[in-house]
Amino acid sequence: MPFIEESDLLALHKDIDKAQIINERLLDQIKFKNKELKRSKIQRNIFAGVTVLFLVGVLAITAFTAGLTSSNKIDDPNLVVASLDSLQIVESRINNLKRQNEELSLVREFYLAKEFLEKQKIYSVQIQS
């Protein structure tokens, strides 16, 4: 049977007590860090909530003021005339582009025919009648 001297046993108990004290200190530090982490998470969540509420408020105010200004423009008869004029401008632009497209398609057909003639060999034979 192994034999342990009393001085070794006391030293072993001291080492165990020191290790327990160190473990308790480390556990206390971990608990303190966890509390700090929880506090910082709560602060971050509160800050995010306040920021979101601020942004929602700004968007609501912007939408409300935009609604007020747009309701005044609906009653304005000059706005209707301006939109009709802009519609006529767009229609004339579309017609102009259609006309240009037709002209360009004729030019394209001419160049395609010319290109075909340049690439193909054409033989002609004259027959006496």
Protein backbone atom coordinates (compact mmCIF):
# COMPACT_ATOMS: atom_id res chain seq x y z
CA MET A 1 0.00 0.00 0.00
CA PRO A 2 1.37 3.43 -0.94
CA PHE A 3 2.39 5.64 1.86
CA ILE A 4 2.02 9.45 1.83
CA GLU A 5 3.86 11.55 4.30
CA GLU A 6 1.93 14.09 6.27
CA SER A 7 3.87 17.04 4.85
CA ASP A 8 3.04 15.89 1.32
CA LEU A 9 -0.60 15.48 2.34
CA LEU A 10 -0.68 19.02 3.77
CA ALA A 11 0.94 20.38 0.63
CA LEU A 12 -1.63 18.54 -1.48
CA HIS A 13 -4.48 20.00 0.61
CA LYS A 14 -2.97 23.49 0.21
CA ASP A 15 -2.73 23.01 -3.55
CA ILE A 16 -6.35 21.83 -3.65
CA ASP A 17 -7.46 24.82 -1.55
CA LYS A 18 -5.54 27.22 -3.85
CA ALA A 19 -7.12 25.62 -6.91
CA GLN A 20 -10.58 25.93 -5.34
CA ILE A 21 -9.95 29.60 -4.54
CA ILE A 22 -8.75 30.23 -8.10
CA ASN A 23 -11.81 28.41 -9.49
CA GLU A 24 -14.13 30.50 -7.29
CA ARG A 25 -12.44 33.72 -8.47
CA LEU A 26 -12.74 32.61 -12.08
CA LEU A 27 -16.41 31.76 -11.58
CA ASP A 28 -16.98 35.19 -10.04
CA GLN A 29 -15.24 36.81 -13.02
CA ILE A 30 -17.38 34.78 -15.43
CA LYS A 31 -20.56 35.82 -13.60
CA PHE A 32 -19.46 39.47 -13.67
CA LYS A 33 -18.68 39.30 -17.40
CA ASN A 34 -22.06 37.63 -18.05
CA LYS A 35 -23.81 40.46 -16.21
CA GLU A 36 -21.89 43.04 -18.24
CA LEU A 37 -22.76 41.19 -21.44
CA LYS A 38 -26.45 41.10 -20.54
CA ARG A 39 -26.36 44.83 -19.75
CA SER A 40 -24.68 45.63 -23.05
CA LYS A 41 -27.22 43.48 -24.95
CA ILE A 42 -30.09 45.26 -23.22
CA GLN A 43 -28.54 48.67 -23.98
CA ARG A 44 -27.97 47.70 -27.61
CA ASN A 45 -31.57 46.47 -27.95
CA ILE A 46 -32.92 49.65 -26.37
CA PHE A 47 -30.79 51.78 -28.70
CA ALA A 48 -31.98 49.76 -31.72
CA GLY A 49 -35.61 50.15 -30.62
CA VAL A 50 -35.26 53.91 -30.16
CA THR A 51 -33.56 54.18 -33.56
CA VAL A 52 -36.33 52.19 -35.25
CA LEU A 53 -39.00 54.32 -33.58
CA PHE A 54 -37.18 57.48 -34.70
CA LEU A 55 -36.98 56.24 -38.30
CA VAL A 56 -40.65 55.21 -38.31
CA GLY A 57 -41.56 58.64 -36.97
CA VAL A 58 -39.51 60.40 -39.64
CA LEU A 59 -41.09 58.25 -42.36
CA ALA A 60 -44.57 58.90 -40.98
CA ILE A 61 -43.99 62.65 -40.89
CA THR A 62 -42.57 62.56 -44.42
CA ALA A 63 -45.52 60.54 -45.70
CA PHE A 64 -47.98 62.85 -43.96
CA THR A 65 -46.42 66.01 -45.36
CA ALA A 66 -46.16 64.42 -48.82
CA GLY A 67 -49.85 63.55 -48.59
CA LEU A 68 -50.71 67.14 -47.73
CA THR A 69 -48.75 68.57 -50.62
CA SER A 70 -50.11 66.03 -53.12
CA SER A 71 -53.72 66.67 -52.08
CA ASN A 72 -53.25 70.35 -52.95
CA LYS A 73 -51.93 69.45 -56.40
CA ILE A 74 -54.93 67.29 -57.27
CA ASP A 75 -57.26 70.29 -57.22
CA ASP A 76 -54.95 72.36 -59.43
CA PRO A 77 -56.38 72.51 -63.01
CA ASN A 78 -53.03 73.62 -64.47
CA LEU A 79 -51.56 70.28 -63.45
CA VAL A 80 -54.10 68.43 -65.60
CA VAL A 81 -53.27 70.63 -68.59
CA ALA A 82 -49.56 70.04 -68.04
CA SER A 83 -50.07 66.30 -67.92
CA LEU A 84 -52.12 66.41 -71.14
CA ASP A 85 -49.37 68.43 -72.81
CA SER A 86 -46.75 65.98 -71.64
CA LEU A 87 -48.90 63.12 -72.97
CA GLN A 88 -49.06 64.81 -76.37
CA ILE A 89 -45.30 65.31 -76.32
CA VAL A 90 -44.76 61.63 -75.55
CA GLU A 91 -47.17 60.58 -78.31
CA SER A 92 -45.45 62.83 -80.86
CA ARG A 93 -42.07 61.42 -79.80
CA ILE A 94 -43.39 57.86 -80.25
CA ASN A 95 -44.73 58.69 -83.72
CA ASN A 96 -41.42 60.30 -84.66
CA LEU A 97 -39.51 57.22 -83.50
CA LYS A 98 -41.85 54.93 -85.46
CA ARG A 99 -41.26 56.96 -88.61
CA GLN A 100 -37.49 56.84 -88.08
CA ASN A 101 -37.71 53.09 -87.52
CA GLU A 102 -39.52 52.62 -90.85
CA GLU A 103 -36.88 54.69 -92.67
CA LEU A 104 -34.07 52.76 -91.03
CA SER A 105 -35.67 49.43 -91.90
CA LEU A 106 -35.70 50.48 -95.59
CA VAL A 107 -32.02 51.44 -95.37
CA ARG A 108 -31.24 48.15 -93.63
CA GLU A 109 -33.01 46.17 -96.36
CA PHE A 110 -31.02 48.04 -99.02
CA TYR A 111 -27.71 47.26 -97.31
CA LEU A 112 -28.67 43.64 -96.76
CA ALA A 113 -29.45 43.27 -100.47
CA LYS A 114 -26.19 45.01 -101.39
CA GLU A 115 -24.26 42.79 -99.00
CA PHE A 116 -25.92 39.69 -100.47
CA LEU A 117 -24.92 40.75 -103.98
CA GLU A 118 -21.34 41.38 -102.91
CA LYS A 119 -20.99 37.96 -101.27
CA GLN A 120 -22.68 35.86 -103.95
CA LYS A 121 -21.25 35.10 -107.35
CA ILE A 122 -23.72 35.66 -110.13
CA TYR A 123 -23.13 34.05 -113.48
CA SER A 124 -24.87 35.26 -116.56
CA VAL A 125 -25.23 33.33 -119.77
CA GLN A 126 -26.39 34.78 -123.01
CA ILE A 127 -28.36 32.51 -125.30
CA GLN A 128 -28.85 33.22 -128.96
CA SER A 129 -32.39 33.01 -130.13
